[in-house]
């Protein structure tokens, strides 16, 4: 039975009102349940019927209501982003990537900041998920590294993706950022420039990324017969202020390093500030390398050499995997860290 064409008379004039699922069912000559099955990609609808309903949906401009769809499945079409990352730009880029993948899908994004050190953390996240009836969640570092949260999600049968520097779960639940490779790239860059005395400003010790980036740095230095001296390591907090303070400490040493690798761009920007305070030129007296390649890296002076991490792309991949729309990873290199050389790094002083 072909779809009926809307007429100017009566309630089939959709130029003046929004079409409903009842309108689609009536015009296609099927039940509302069949329309719902087509909207939700059920394989139980015959191809001819599916095409007829899709033609009516296109003709009328019908747009499914995500909340109504959620009620039919006893859940919402909401995806939660759960994070405890101190870097605002990381969170923004992750959100943009998730939204890239969700555009046109009917899914919406809900964000939930948390404090991993909070005693009721797991209960708070569980309450958030159950209150919103979330379809699933994306966990970012370092909350993604908390096995208690993963166990709780499996217990309540909530779909989830963990973004982390190493594999912590089954492949279907993981997006690996492979931060060790970023540290390796930074070390190779500095060693190839001729630096032999390199300082490291690490991030928060509770973040796995801090350890992975240091591990990559040490591996890259070892390739060139170099080591990371104990007094050339300072522990930051992934913030501008901590990077400035740690760089002051390193650059005030009698045997100060000729280059500093900071665990993120915020700390690297703080290190630039400290170098200027101490009247040291960058890169003439000291080279500085960051990590992330966020907006700040190209906006400070001199612009930062940094390790590029495709956070937005990683967010997109996480949402695609969560929604079951993952495509073949034809270009895996587009989600791996890589060095971006700018003016903040150069050969060591003679």
C-alpha atoms as a PDB file:
ATOM      1  CA  UNK A   1       0.000   0.000   0.000  1.00  0.00           C
ATOM      2  CA  UNK A   2       1.656   3.288  -1.100  1.00  0.00           C
ATOM      3  CA  UNK A   3       1.818   6.172   1.382  1.00  0.00           C
ATOM      4  CA  UNK A   4      -0.955   8.734   1.170  1.00  0.00           C
ATOM      5  CA  UNK A   5       0.149  12.201   0.163  1.00  0.00           C
ATOM      6  CA  UNK A   6      -0.598  14.925   2.706  1.00  0.00           C
ATOM      7  CA  UNK A   7      -3.389  17.219   1.520  1.00  0.00           C
ATOM      8  CA  UNK A   8      -4.001  20.863   2.280  1.00  0.00           C
ATOM      9  CA  UNK A   9      -7.102  19.948   4.212  1.00  0.00           C
ATOM     10  CA  UNK A  10      -7.461  18.769   7.769  1.00  0.00           C
ATOM     11  CA  UNK A  11      -4.713  17.469   9.971  1.00  0.00           C
ATOM     12  CA  UNK A  12      -2.408  16.285   7.194  1.00  0.00           C
ATOM     13  CA  UNK A  13      -1.054  19.772   6.533  1.00  0.00           C
ATOM     14  CA  UNK A  14       2.325  19.401   8.225  1.00  0.00           C
ATOM     15  CA  UNK A  15       3.542  22.823   7.138  1.00  0.00           C
ATOM     16  CA  UNK A  16       1.628  24.245  10.111  1.00  0.00           C
ATOM     17  CA  UNK A  17       1.971  21.515  12.718  1.00  0.00           C
ATOM     18  CA  UNK A  18       4.516  18.969  13.839  1.00  0.00           C
ATOM     19  CA  UNK A  19       3.878  15.427  12.621  1.00  0.00           C
ATOM     20  CA  UNK A  20       3.411  12.723  15.249  1.00  0.00           C
ATOM     21  CA  UNK A  21       4.048   9.010  15.254  1.00  0.00           C
ATOM     22  CA  UNK A  22       0.280   8.530  14.943  1.00  0.00           C
ATOM     23  CA  UNK A  23       0.294  10.601  11.727  1.00  0.00           C
ATOM     24  CA  UNK A  24       3.091   8.484  10.280  1.00  0.00           C
ATOM     25  CA  UNK A  25       1.316   5.243  11.181  1.00  0.00           C
ATOM     26  CA  UNK A  26      -1.974   6.438   9.645  1.00  0.00           C
ATOM     27  CA  UNK A  27      -0.402   7.665   6.395  1.00  0.00           C
ATOM     28  CA  UNK A  28       1.710   4.520   6.004  1.00  0.00           C
ATOM     29  CA  UNK A  29      -1.211   2.236   6.808  1.00  0.00           C
ATOM     30  CA  UNK A  30       0.584   0.468   9.648  1.00  0.00           C
ATOM     31  CA  UNK A  31       0.425   0.329  13.427  1.00  0.00           C
ATOM     32  CA  UNK A  32       2.244   2.790  15.678  1.00  0.00           C
ATOM     33  CA  UNK A  33       4.270  -0.155  16.992  1.00  0.00           C
ATOM     34  CA  UNK A  34       5.570  -0.904  13.485  1.00  0.00           C
ATOM     35  CA  UNK A  35       6.634   2.715  13.047  1.00  0.00           C
ATOM     36  CA  UNK A  36       8.450   2.525  16.381  1.00  0.00           C
ATOM     37  CA  UNK A  37      10.274  -0.607  15.253  1.00  0.00           C
ATOM     38  CA  UNK A  38      11.497   1.133  12.101  1.00  0.00           C
ATOM     39  CA  UNK A  39      12.661   4.178  14.087  1.00  0.00           C
ATOM     40  CA  UNK A  40      14.642   1.912  16.398  1.00  0.00           C
ATOM     41  CA  UNK A  41      16.165  -0.173  13.565  1.00  0.00           C
ATOM     42  CA  UNK A  42      14.400  -3.393  14.501  1.00  0.00           C
ATOM     43  CA  UNK A  43      15.184  -6.212  12.030  1.00  0.00           C
ATOM     44  CA  UNK A  44      11.644  -7.618  12.395  1.00  0.00           C
ATOM     45  CA  UNK A  45      10.099  -5.217   9.833  1.00  0.00           C
ATOM     46  CA  UNK A  46       9.892  -6.283   6.181  1.00  0.00           C
ATOM     47  CA  UNK A  47      11.967  -4.182   3.801  1.00  0.00           C
ATOM     48  CA  UNK A  48       8.951  -3.018   1.741  1.00  0.00           C
ATOM     49  CA  UNK A  49       7.133  -1.852   4.884  1.00  0.00           C
ATOM     50  CA  UNK A  50      10.284  -0.196   6.195  1.00  0.00           C
ATOM     51  CA  UNK A  51      10.753   1.764   2.970  1.00  0.00           C
ATOM     52  CA  UNK A  52       7.116   2.873   2.985  1.00  0.00           C
ATOM     53  CA  UNK A  53       7.367   4.156   6.554  1.00  0.00           C
ATOM     54  CA  UNK A  54      10.695   5.879   5.898  1.00  0.00           C
ATOM     55  CA  UNK A  55       9.128   7.614   2.874  1.00  0.00           C
ATOM     56  CA  UNK A  56       6.299   8.950   5.048  1.00  0.00           C
ATOM     57  CA  UNK A  57       8.752  10.079   7.744  1.00  0.00           C
ATOM     58  CA  UNK A  58      10.699  12.014   5.120  1.00  0.00           C
ATOM     59  CA  UNK A  59       7.520  13.390   3.549  1.00  0.00           C
ATOM     60  CA  UNK A  60       6.060  14.650   6.805  1.00  0.00           C
ATOM     61  CA  UNK A  61       9.317  15.749   8.439  1.00  0.00           C
ATOM     62  CA  UNK A  62       8.540  13.609  11.484  1.00  0.00           C
ATOM     63  CA  UNK A  63      11.286  13.718  14.158  1.00  0.00           C
ATOM     64  CA  UNK A  64      11.178  11.060  16.915  1.00  0.00           C
ATOM     65  CA  UNK A  65      11.146  12.399  20.453  1.00  0.00           C
ATOM     66  CA  UNK A  66      14.163  10.963  22.319  1.00  0.00           C
ATOM     67  CA  UNK A  67      12.388  10.970  25.677  1.00  0.00           C
ATOM     68  CA  UNK A  68       9.374   9.156  24.232  1.00  0.00           C
ATOM     69  CA  UNK A  69      11.688   6.578  22.706  1.00  0.00           C
ATOM     70  CA  UNK A  70      13.357   6.183  26.067  1.00  0.00           C
ATOM     71  CA  UNK A  71      10.082   5.532  27.842  1.00  0.00           C
ATOM     72  CA  UNK A  72       9.304   2.746  25.396  1.00  0.00           C
ATOM     73  CA  UNK A  73      12.574   1.066  26.386  1.00  0.00           C
ATOM     74  CA  UNK A  74      12.286   1.988  30.081  1.00  0.00           C
ATOM     75  CA  UNK A  75      15.405   4.124  29.724  1.00  0.00           C
ATOM     76  CA  UNK A  76      16.343   7.542  28.401  1.00  0.00           C
ATOM     77  CA  UNK A  77      18.304   8.274  25.282  1.00  0.00           C
ATOM     78  CA  UNK A  78      20.915  10.047  27.360  1.00  0.00           C
ATOM     79  CA  UNK A  79      24.653   9.374  27.460  1.00  0.00           C
ATOM     80  CA  UNK A  80      26.593  10.498  30.509  1.00  0.00           C
ATOM     81  CA  UNK A  81      30.132  11.876  30.488  1.00  0.00           C
ATOM     82  CA  UNK A  82      31.669  11.263  33.914  1.00  0.00           C
ATOM     83  CA  UNK A  83      34.955  13.027  34.611  1.00  0.00           C
ATOM     84  CA  UNK A  84      37.280  14.232  37.350  1.00  0.00           C
ATOM     85  CA  UNK A  85      39.914  15.809  35.090  1.00  0.00           C
ATOM     86  CA  UNK A  86      41.396  19.120  36.316  1.00  0.00           C
ATOM     87  CA  UNK A  87      41.998  20.337  32.743  1.00  0.00           C
ATOM     88  CA  UNK A  88      38.899  22.186  31.437  1.00  0.00           C
ATOM     89  CA  UNK A  89      40.020  22.038  27.795  1.00  0.00           C
ATOM     90  CA  UNK A  90      40.271  18.258  27.949  1.00  0.00           C
ATOM     91  CA  UNK A  91      36.656  18.062  29.108  1.00  0.00           C
ATOM     92  CA  UNK A  92      35.497  20.492  26.399  1.00  0.00           C
ATOM     93  CA  UNK A  93      37.286  18.573  23.630  1.00  0.00           C
ATOM     94  CA  UNK A  94      35.886  15.285  24.892  1.00  0.00           C
ATOM     95  CA  UNK A  95      32.369  16.735  24.896  1.00  0.00           C
ATOM     96  CA  UNK A  96      32.794  18.006  21.339  1.00  0.00           C
ATOM     97  CA  UNK A  97      33.876  14.558  20.164  1.00  0.00           C
ATOM     98  CA  UNK A  98      30.936  12.859  21.858  1.00  0.00           C
ATOM     99  CA  UNK A  99      28.540  15.370  20.310  1.00  0.00           C
ATOM    100  CA  UNK A 100      30.118  14.839  16.871  1.00  0.00           C
ATOM    101  CA  UNK A 101      29.157  11.166  17.035  1.00  0.00           C
ATOM    102  CA  UNK A 102      25.735  11.752  18.601  1.00  0.00           C
ATOM    103  CA  UNK A 103      24.572  14.376  16.109  1.00  0.00           C
ATOM    104  CA  UNK A 104      21.390  13.177  14.391  1.00  0.00           C
ATOM    105  CA  UNK A 105      21.179  10.018  16.512  1.00  0.00           C
ATOM    106  CA  UNK A 106      18.485  11.205  18.933  1.00  0.00           C
ATOM    107  CA  UNK A 107      20.905  10.803  21.835  1.00  0.00           C
ATOM    108  CA  UNK A 108      21.726  13.712  24.143  1.00  0.00           C
ATOM    109  CA  UNK A 109      24.704  14.313  26.417  1.00  0.00           C
ATOM    110  CA  UNK A 110      24.660  14.827  30.181  1.00  0.00           C
ATOM    111  CA  UNK A 111      27.894  15.726  32.000  1.00  0.00           C
ATOM    112  CA  UNK A 112      28.697  14.748  35.568  1.00  0.00           C
ATOM    113  CA  UNK A 113      31.849  16.092  37.249  1.00  0.00           C
ATOM    114  CA  UNK A 114      33.021  14.182  40.307  1.00  0.00           C
ATOM    115  CA  UNK A 115      35.851  13.901  42.806  1.00  0.00           C
ATOM    116  CA  UNK A 116      37.602  10.546  42.764  1.00  0.00           C
ATOM    117  CA  UNK A 117      38.785  11.116  46.335  1.00  0.00           C
ATOM    118  CA  UNK A 118      35.190  11.456  47.596  1.00  0.00           C
ATOM    119  CA  UNK A 119      34.192   8.509  49.852  1.00  0.00           C
ATOM    120  CA  UNK A 120      30.671   8.180  48.360  1.00  0.00           C
ATOM    121  CA  UNK A 121      32.001   8.368  44.767  1.00  0.00           C
ATOM    122  CA  UNK A 122      30.619   5.034  43.547  1.00  0.00           C
ATOM    123  CA  UNK A 123      27.220   5.547  45.172  1.00  0.00           C
ATOM    124  CA  UNK A 124      26.997   9.073  43.776  1.00  0.00           C
ATOM    125  CA  UNK A 125      27.688   7.861  40.238  1.00  0.00           C
ATOM    126  CA  UNK A 126      25.212   5.020  40.603  1.00  0.00           C
ATOM    127  CA  UNK A 127      22.525   7.435  41.807  1.00  0.00           C
ATOM    128  CA  UNK A 128      23.257   9.754  38.879  1.00  0.00           C
ATOM    129  CA  UNK A 129      22.888   6.914  36.364  1.00  0.00           C
ATOM    130  CA  UNK A 130      19.686   5.549  37.892  1.00  0.00           C
ATOM    131  CA  UNK A 131      18.126   8.976  38.370  1.00  0.00           C
ATOM    132  CA  UNK A 132      18.712   9.897  34.719  1.00  0.00           C
ATOM    133  CA  UNK A 133      18.011   6.347  33.444  1.00  0.00           C
ATOM    134  CA  UNK A 134      21.119   6.678  31.296  1.00  0.00           C
ATOM    135  CA  UNK A 135      21.583   4.602  28.172  1.00  0.00           C
ATOM    136  CA  UNK A 136      25.298   4.426  28.960  1.00  0.00           C
ATOM    137  CA  UNK A 137      28.312   6.370  30.193  1.00  0.00           C
ATOM    138  CA  UNK A 138      31.775   7.401  29.039  1.00  0.00           C
ATOM    139  CA  UNK A 139      34.410   7.492  31.781  1.00  0.00           C
ATOM    140  CA  UNK A 140      37.545   9.620  31.349  1.00  0.00           C
ATOM    141  CA  UNK A 141      40.812   9.529  33.325  1.00  0.00           C
ATOM    142  CA  UNK A 142      41.288   9.174  36.183  1.00  0.00           C
ATOM    143  CA  UNK A 143      37.787   8.066  37.144  1.00  0.00           C
ATOM    144  CA  UNK A 144      37.989   5.559  34.274  1.00  0.00           C
ATOM    145  CA  UNK A 145      40.840   3.847  36.144  1.00  0.00           C
ATOM    146  CA  UNK A 146      38.699   3.058  39.203  1.00  0.00           C
ATOM    147  CA  UNK A 147      37.775  -0.619  39.037  1.00  0.00           C
ATOM    148  CA  UNK A 148      35.045  -0.163  41.655  1.00  0.00           C
ATOM    149  CA  UNK A 149      33.089   2.002  39.217  1.00  0.00           C
ATOM    150  CA  UNK A 150      33.433  -0.536  36.394  1.00  0.00           C
ATOM    151  CA  UNK A 151      32.198  -3.295  38.696  1.00  0.00           C
ATOM    152  CA  UNK A 152      29.190  -1.192  39.696  1.00  0.00           C
ATOM    153  CA  UNK A 153      28.326  -0.497  36.042  1.00  0.00           C
ATOM    154  CA  UNK A 154      28.423  -4.203  35.240  1.00  0.00           C
ATOM    155  CA  UNK A 155      26.267  -4.899  38.284  1.00  0.00           C
ATOM    156  CA  UNK A 156      23.495  -2.497  37.190  1.00  0.00           C
ATOM    157  CA  UNK A 157      23.885  -3.520  33.521  1.00  0.00           C
ATOM    158  CA  UNK A 158      24.789  -0.040  32.300  1.00  0.00           C
ATOM    159  CA  UNK A 159      26.684   0.237  29.011  1.00  0.00           C
ATOM    160  CA  UNK A 160      30.039   1.976  29.423  1.00  0.00           C
ATOM    161  CA  UNK A 161      33.273   2.965  27.699  1.00  0.00           C
ATOM    162  CA  UNK A 162      36.486   3.659  29.611  1.00  0.00           C
ATOM    163  CA  UNK A 163      39.018   6.087  28.123  1.00  0.00           C
ATOM    164  CA  UNK A 164      42.440   5.340  29.593  1.00  0.00           C
ATOM    165  CA  UNK A 165      46.128   5.315  28.726  1.00  0.00           C
ATOM    166  CA  UNK A 166      46.290   1.493  28.810  1.00  0.00           C
ATOM    167  CA  UNK A 167      43.849  -1.404  28.463  1.00  0.00           C
ATOM    168  CA  UNK A 168      41.961  -1.875  31.729  1.00  0.00           C
ATOM    169  CA  UNK A 169      38.937  -3.819  30.484  1.00  0.00           C
ATOM    170  CA  UNK A 170      37.602  -5.918  27.615  1.00  0.00           C
ATOM    171  CA  UNK A 171      38.163  -4.306  24.173  1.00  0.00           C
ATOM    172  CA  UNK A 172      34.445  -3.554  23.815  1.00  0.00           C
ATOM    173  CA  UNK A 173      34.646  -1.264  26.838  1.00  0.00           C
ATOM    174  CA  UNK A 174      37.953   0.505  26.080  1.00  0.00           C
ATOM    175  CA  UNK A 175      39.465   3.383  24.156  1.00  0.00           C
ATOM    176  CA  UNK A 176      43.240   3.385  24.759  1.00  0.00           C
ATOM    177  CA  UNK A 177      45.110   6.688  24.456  1.00  0.00           C
ATOM    178  CA  UNK A 178      48.563   5.030  24.733  1.00  0.00           C
ATOM    179  CA  UNK A 179      50.208   7.878  26.627  1.00  0.00           C
ATOM    180  CA  UNK A 180      53.508   5.990  26.846  1.00  0.00           C
ATOM    181  CA  UNK A 181      53.978   6.641  23.120  1.00  0.00           C
ATOM    182  CA  UNK A 182      53.552  10.368  23.739  1.00  0.00           C
ATOM    183  CA  UNK A 183      56.303  10.398  26.355  1.00  0.00           C
ATOM    184  CA  UNK A 184      58.471   8.377  23.976  1.00  0.00           C
ATOM    185  CA  UNK A 185      57.948  10.938  21.182  1.00  0.00           C
ATOM    186  CA  UNK A 186      58.879  13.829  23.497  1.00  0.00           C
ATOM    187  CA  UNK A 187      62.075  12.087  24.655  1.00  0.00           C
ATOM    188  CA  UNK A 188      63.192  11.262  21.120  1.00  0.00           C
ATOM    189  CA  UNK A 189      62.598  14.849  19.997  1.00  0.00           C
ATOM    190  CA  UNK A 190      64.683  16.360  22.813  1.00  0.00           C
ATOM    191  CA  UNK A 191      67.451  13.768  22.597  1.00  0.00           C
ATOM    192  CA  UNK A 192      67.733  14.241  18.832  1.00  0.00           C
ATOM    193  CA  UNK A 193      68.128  17.985  19.414  1.00  0.00           C
ATOM    194  CA  UNK A 194      71.173  17.123  21.555  1.00  0.00           C
ATOM    195  CA  UNK A 195      69.777  17.508  25.087  1.00  0.00           C
ATOM    196  CA  UNK A 196      71.363  15.246  27.695  1.00  0.00           C
ATOM    197  CA  UNK A 197      69.950  16.829  30.869  1.00  0.00           C
ATOM    198  CA  UNK A 198      66.159  16.696  30.784  1.00  0.00           C
ATOM    199  CA  UNK A 199      63.670  17.561  33.524  1.00  0.00           C
ATOM    200  CA  UNK A 200      60.192  16.108  33.903  1.00  0.00           C
ATOM    201  CA  UNK A 201      57.117  17.705  35.484  1.00  0.00           C
ATOM    202  CA  UNK A 202      54.658  14.887  36.061  1.00  0.00           C
ATOM    203  CA  UNK A 203      50.935  15.121  36.559  1.00  0.00           C
ATOM    204  CA  UNK A 204      48.922  13.903  39.518  1.00  0.00           C
ATOM    205  CA  UNK A 205      50.304  10.617  40.829  1.00  0.00           C
ATOM    206  CA  UNK A 206      46.817   9.083  41.016  1.00  0.00           C
ATOM    207  CA  UNK A 207      46.465   9.456  37.233  1.00  0.00           C
ATOM    208  CA  UNK A 208      47.771   6.463  35.278  1.00  0.00           C
ATOM    209  CA  UNK A 209      48.688   8.886  32.483  1.00  0.00           C
ATOM    210  CA  UNK A 210      51.364  10.458  34.709  1.00  0.00           C
ATOM    211  CA  UNK A 211      53.162   7.135  35.047  1.00  0.00           C
ATOM    212  CA  UNK A 212      52.715   6.170  31.386  1.00  0.00           C
ATOM    213  CA  UNK A 213      54.105   9.492  30.120  1.00  0.00           C
ATOM    214  CA  UNK A 214      57.109   9.166  32.418  1.00  0.00           C
ATOM    215  CA  UNK A 215      57.623   5.561  31.338  1.00  0.00           C
ATOM    216  CA  UNK A 216      57.671   6.632  27.685  1.00  0.00           C
ATOM    217  CA  UNK A 217      60.078   9.475  28.478  1.00  0.00           C
ATOM    218  CA  UNK A 218      62.517   7.145  30.232  1.00  0.00           C
ATOM    219  CA  UNK A 219      62.276   4.599  27.424  1.00  0.00           C
ATOM    220  CA  UNK A 220      63.068   7.253  24.814  1.00  0.00           C
ATOM    221  CA  UNK A 221      66.003   8.601  26.822  1.00  0.00           C
ATOM    222  CA  UNK A 222      67.374   5.084  27.254  1.00  0.00           C
ATOM    223  CA  UNK A 223      67.373   4.660  23.457  1.00  0.00           C
ATOM    224  CA  UNK A 224      69.954   7.484  23.400  1.00  0.00           C
ATOM    225  CA  UNK A 225      71.965   6.266  26.406  1.00  0.00           C
ATOM    226  CA  UNK A 226      70.394   8.839  28.759  1.00  0.00           C
ATOM    227  CA  UNK A 227      68.639   8.588  32.108  1.00  0.00           C
ATOM    228  CA  UNK A 228      66.178  10.757  34.033  1.00  0.00           C
ATOM    229  CA  UNK A 229      67.954  12.058  37.148  1.00  0.00           C
ATOM    230  CA  UNK A 230      65.993  11.824  40.406  1.00  0.00           C
ATOM    231  CA  UNK A 231      66.463  15.519  41.186  1.00  0.00           C
ATOM    232  CA  UNK A 232      65.146  16.423  37.719  1.00  0.00           C
ATOM    233  CA  UNK A 233      61.666  15.083  38.506  1.00  0.00           C
ATOM    234  CA  UNK A 234      58.973  17.331  40.010  1.00  0.00           C
ATOM    235  CA  UNK A 235      55.378  16.303  40.737  1.00  0.00           C
ATOM    236  CA  UNK A 236      52.719  18.729  39.525  1.00  0.00           C
ATOM    237  CA  UNK A 237      48.931  18.650  39.465  1.00  0.00           C
ATOM    238  CA  UNK A 238      48.141  19.210  35.757  1.00  0.00           C
ATOM    239  CA  UNK A 239      47.568  22.930  36.520  1.00  0.00           C
ATOM    240  CA  UNK A 240      49.335  26.110  35.368  1.00  0.00           C
ATOM    241  CA  UNK A 241      50.302  27.020  38.930  1.00  0.00           C
ATOM    242  CA  UNK A 242      51.849  23.634  39.656  1.00  0.00           C
ATOM    243  CA  UNK A 243      53.816  23.752  36.409  1.00  0.00           C
ATOM    244  CA  UNK A 244      55.186  27.187  37.291  1.00  0.00           C
ATOM    245  CA  UNK A 245      56.202  26.068  40.790  1.00  0.00           C
ATOM    246  CA  UNK A 246      57.794  22.828  39.588  1.00  0.00           C
ATOM    247  CA  UNK A 247      59.737  24.625  36.849  1.00  0.00           C
ATOM    248  CA  UNK A 248      61.042  27.164  39.363  1.00  0.00           C
ATOM    249  CA  UNK A 249      62.327  24.226  41.401  1.00  0.00           C
ATOM    250  CA  UNK A 250      64.021  22.540  38.451  1.00  0.00           C
ATOM    251  CA  UNK A 251      65.459  25.700  36.931  1.00  0.00           C
ATOM    252  CA  UNK A 252      66.927  26.814  40.270  1.00  0.00           C
ATOM    253  CA  UNK A 253      69.106  23.703  40.540  1.00  0.00           C
ATOM    254  CA  UNK A 254      72.900  24.169  40.212  1.00  0.00           C
ATOM    255  CA  UNK A 255      72.795  21.520  37.470  1.00  0.00           C
ATOM    256  CA  UNK A 256      69.530  22.708  35.972  1.00  0.00           C
ATOM    257  CA  UNK A 257      68.139  20.759  32.990  1.00  0.00           C
ATOM    258  CA  UNK A 258      68.529  22.184  29.489  1.00  0.00           C
ATOM    259  CA  UNK A 259      65.036  20.928  28.601  1.00  0.00           C
ATOM    260  CA  UNK A 260      61.794  20.273  30.470  1.00  0.00           C
ATOM    261  CA  UNK A 261      59.023  17.892  29.438  1.00  0.00           C
ATOM    262  CA  UNK A 262      55.779  18.800  31.200  1.00  0.00           C
ATOM    263  CA  UNK A 263      52.935  16.290  31.538  1.00  0.00           C
ATOM    264  CA  UNK A 264      50.397  18.647  29.946  1.00  0.00           C
ATOM    265  CA  UNK A 265      50.224  22.022  28.206  1.00  0.00           C
ATOM    266  CA  UNK A 266      48.891  23.859  31.262  1.00  0.00           C
ATOM    267  CA  UNK A 267      51.992  22.895  33.240  1.00  0.00           C
ATOM    268  CA  UNK A 268      54.216  23.641  30.249  1.00  0.00           C
ATOM    269  CA  UNK A 269      52.711  27.149  30.059  1.00  0.00           C
ATOM    270  CA  UNK A 270      53.491  27.520  33.767  1.00  0.00           C
ATOM    271  CA  UNK A 271      57.069  26.444  33.036  1.00  0.00           C
ATOM    272  CA  UNK A 272      57.341  29.159  30.358  1.00  0.00           C
ATOM    273  CA  UNK A 273      56.218  31.688  32.970  1.00  0.00           C
ATOM    274  CA  UNK A 274      58.826  30.459  35.453  1.00  0.00           C
ATOM    275  CA  UNK A 275      61.599  30.644  32.857  1.00  0.00           C
ATOM    276  CA  UNK A 276      60.700  34.256  32.125  1.00  0.00           C
ATOM    277  CA  UNK A 277      60.672  35.084  35.848  1.00  0.00           C
ATOM    278  CA  UNK A 278      64.190  33.658  36.105  1.00  0.00           C
ATOM    279  CA  UNK A 279      65.260  35.642  33.023  1.00  0.00           C
ATOM    280  CA  UNK A 280      65.942  32.508  31.007  1.00  0.00           C
ATOM    281  CA  UNK A 281      65.189  32.481  27.303  1.00  0.00           C
ATOM    282  CA  UNK A 282      63.117  29.733  25.672  1.00  0.00           C
ATOM    283  CA  UNK A 283      64.479  27.845  23.812  1.00  0.00           C
ATOM    284  CA  UNK A 284      67.912  29.535  24.048  1.00  0.00           C
ATOM    285  CA  UNK A 285      68.555  28.626  27.685  1.00  0.00           C
ATOM    286  CA  UNK A 286      65.927  25.918  28.186  1.00  0.00           C
ATOM    287  CA  UNK A 287      63.597  24.024  25.860  1.00  0.00           C
ATOM    288  CA  UNK A 288      60.066  23.268  27.030  1.00  0.00           C
ATOM    289  CA  UNK A 289      57.751  20.567  25.666  1.00  0.00           C
ATOM    290  CA  UNK A 290      54.112  20.060  26.678  1.00  0.00           C
ATOM    291  CA  UNK A 291      51.480  17.407  26.186  1.00  0.00           C
ATOM    292  CA  UNK A 292      47.940  17.507  24.669  1.00  0.00           C
ATOM    293  CA  UNK A 293      48.244  20.222  21.975  1.00  0.00           C
ATOM    294  CA  UNK A 294      45.247  22.138  23.296  1.00  0.00           C
ATOM    295  CA  UNK A 295      44.539  25.755  22.316  1.00  0.00           C
ATOM    296  CA  UNK A 296      46.901  27.186  24.915  1.00  0.00           C
ATOM    297  CA  UNK A 297      49.872  25.522  23.178  1.00  0.00           C
ATOM    298  CA  UNK A 298      49.646  27.779  20.122  1.00  0.00           C
ATOM    299  CA  UNK A 299      48.604  30.910  22.054  1.00  0.00           C
ATOM    300  CA  UNK A 300      51.536  31.298  24.473  1.00  0.00           C
ATOM    301  CA  UNK A 301      54.912  32.754  23.476  1.00  0.00           C
ATOM    302  CA  UNK A 302      56.892  31.084  22.263  1.00  0.00           C
ATOM    303  CA  UNK A 303      54.317  28.603  20.921  1.00  0.00           C
ATOM    304  CA  UNK A 304      54.775  25.217  22.568  1.00  0.00           C
ATOM    305  CA  UNK A 305      56.288  22.154  21.066  1.00  0.00           C
ATOM    306  CA  UNK A 306      53.910  19.536  22.418  1.00  0.00           C
ATOM    307  CA  UNK A 307      52.575  16.014  22.077  1.00  0.00           C
ATOM    308  CA  UNK A 308      49.337  16.111  20.122  1.00  0.00           C
ATOM    309  CA  UNK A 309      46.550  13.915  21.487  1.00  0.00           C
ATOM    310  CA  UNK A 310      43.358  13.680  19.386  1.00  0.00           C
ATOM    311  CA  UNK A 311      40.978  14.065  22.335  1.00  0.00           C
ATOM    312  CA  UNK A 312      38.007  15.117  20.212  1.00  0.00           C
ATOM    313  CA  UNK A 313      38.464  12.121  17.918  1.00  0.00           C
ATOM    314  CA  UNK A 314      38.761   9.838  20.946  1.00  0.00           C
ATOM    315  CA  UNK A 315      35.471  11.211  22.295  1.00  0.00           C
ATOM    316  CA  UNK A 316      33.829  10.546  18.945  1.00  0.00           C
ATOM    317  CA  UNK A 317      35.107   6.972  18.925  1.00  0.00           C
ATOM    318  CA  UNK A 318      33.890   6.414  22.489  1.00  0.00           C
ATOM    319  CA  UNK A 319      30.345   7.526  21.626  1.00  0.00           C
ATOM    320  CA  UNK A 320      30.294   5.487  18.417  1.00  0.00           C
ATOM    321  CA  UNK A 321      31.368   2.382  20.303  1.00  0.00           C
ATOM    322  CA  UNK A 322      28.820   3.009  23.049  1.00  0.00           C
ATOM    323  CA  UNK A 323      25.973   3.420  20.536  1.00  0.00           C
ATOM    324  CA  UNK A 324      27.052   0.345  18.565  1.00  0.00           C
ATOM    325  CA  UNK A 325      27.957   2.435  15.526  1.00  0.00           C
ATOM    326  CA  UNK A 326      31.684   1.819  15.540  1.00  0.00           C
ATOM    327  CA  UNK A 327      33.236   1.740  12.083  1.00  0.00           C
ATOM    328  CA  UNK A 328      36.408   0.011  10.946  1.00  0.00           C
ATOM    329  CA  UNK A 329      39.482   1.765  12.318  1.00  0.00           C
ATOM    330  CA  UNK A 330      41.010   2.431   8.899  1.00  0.00           C
ATOM    331  CA  UNK A 331      43.433   5.051  10.198  1.00  0.00           C
ATOM    332  CA  UNK A 332      44.460   4.041  13.743  1.00  0.00           C
ATOM    333  CA  UNK A 333      47.274   6.606  13.685  1.00  0.00           C
ATOM    334  CA  UNK A 334      44.693   9.404  13.929  1.00  0.00           C
ATOM    335  CA  UNK A 335      44.069   8.498  17.569  1.00  0.00           C
ATOM    336  CA  UNK A 336      47.689   8.051  18.661  1.00  0.00           C
ATOM    337  CA  UNK A 337      49.889  10.745  20.250  1.00  0.00           C
ATOM    338  CA  UNK A 338      52.447  12.469  18.021  1.00  0.00           C
ATOM    339  CA  UNK A 339      54.941  15.316  18.435  1.00  0.00           C
ATOM    340  CA  UNK A 340      54.130  18.793  17.074  1.00  0.00           C
ATOM    341  CA  UNK A 341      57.280  20.932  16.842  1.00  0.00           C
ATOM    342  CA  UNK A 342      56.955  24.672  17.465  1.00  0.00           C
ATOM    343  CA  UNK A 343      59.295  27.410  18.714  1.00  0.00           C
ATOM    344  CA  UNK A 344      59.690  26.381  22.391  1.00  0.00           C
ATOM    345  CA  UNK A 345      62.253  23.667  21.669  1.00  0.00           C
ATOM    346  CA  UNK A 346      65.723  23.868  20.148  1.00  0.00           C
ATOM    347  CA  UNK A 347      69.291  22.659  20.663  1.00  0.00           C
ATOM    348  CA  UNK A 348      70.810  22.973  24.172  1.00  0.00           C
ATOM    349  CA  UNK A 349      72.884  26.058  25.001  1.00  0.00           C
ATOM    350  CA  UNK A 350      76.566  25.774  24.088  1.00  0.00           C
END
